[in-house]
């Protein structure tokens, strides 16, 4: 182990938590914001295509559930494996951590090939089921046919980059998405407008940029600077390595994958009650929701190596300090975003469309949709901490309750309760579900976290004596 690797390992257990969180979280937040640009920049450019921008934006919006499924499978592996690797590092088991990264790589390649085949064969059927109309299906399939080819790049970029963050190399992790985002921003207008490729140009720009990011990640993980190397001897799949990180990754998989199901339910209900304009507004609201959630995910990912390492090392006080700081910052951020949306709803909407009818409709529903978003900080901080300490069951329960037990039924129940404007009632399902879900999360997390801290203190006491 070289000097840089020793220092990188030691700071997770010794450097002041506040300074360490700032050092790790700023690059990961930046990485999440930059990563968000991949799809958001596409939508921004597409929404301003002369003449067809509104329908094209709606068509690409229908692709979001499919894109979320791809991201969910990436999280299924990486979001479970990377925290396990951090815990192994805390226990000074580098060999075990490298076996995790090798198995995660192989498993993601297999998943990517399967997903690519499925999407190329059945993407039109999926998109029609997910809320595309005869007016928008052409735009949706045009985008997805090209995007599907880059599934392997998306999977490996998002999945393996988590292992760079898990080691504390947050700046390197940030550059992964920065490189791809800059390429995407440059190529989008060239392909969309310069080559007159429309939505297909946006998809091609995304695939190329993700491919470049993928090469960057792999080169780093096989290079000299990384603590955890991607080694050929660890690529053979072993159940005793795969099953634990799949169990832990189930919660992020459900969180992201359920977004796909929820988006499909929203789109189908909104198409029924409000037509293409309501689905188009949902595309904008989903983009704003990403902007709200992704920085908090980045903050949580910055905190996870600290929490996971110190949990593995048995340092209960540092685990508790890291969580408290994560919760405070997350809650302040979500409250600030909530205030801005409620006071200036026209600002985020204007980024995505200049169509007057769509703007008016979206401004009408965005305040309703984000009524309870100030509490997202509590939900996200609790969820990310549970994953960091390996509490797979509790994190899965929280994810299932919020999406499947609450939000999914409410999308169909709310229009029947408020018959005066059924489309608006569909949007109102989000804040009702969020309020109940956060209350449930606080109770479950409090019980589990106190139990974890108490167990760590007891283990420390035994070790001393």
Foldseek 3Di string as FASTA:
>chain_A
DDPLLVVLLVCLPDPPLVVLLCLLLVLLLLLLVLLLLLVVVLLLVQCPDPPCSLLLSLLQLLCVLVVLLLVLVLLLQQLLLLLVLLLCSLLVNLVLNLLSLLQSLLVLQVVLVVQLVCCLVCVLVSSVLLFDDPSRSVSNCLQSNLLSVLSSLVSQLSRLLLNCSLSVVSNLSSVLSVQLSVQLNVQQCCQCPVVVSRSNSSNNSNSVSSNVSNVSSQCVQCDDNDSHHNDPVSNDHDCVSRVLSSLLSLLSSLLSSLVSVLSSLLNVQCCVQPNSLLSSLVSLLVSLVSVLVSSLVSSLSSLLSSLSSCLSNLPLVSNVVSLVVSLVVLLVSQQVSLVCCLVPVLVSVVSRHPDPVSSVVNNVQNNLLCVPSSLVSLVSSLLSSCSSNSVSVLSNVLSCCLRPVQLSVQLVVQCVVPVVRSSSSNSNSNVVSVVVSSVVSVVSSVVVSVVSSVVSVVVVVVVVD
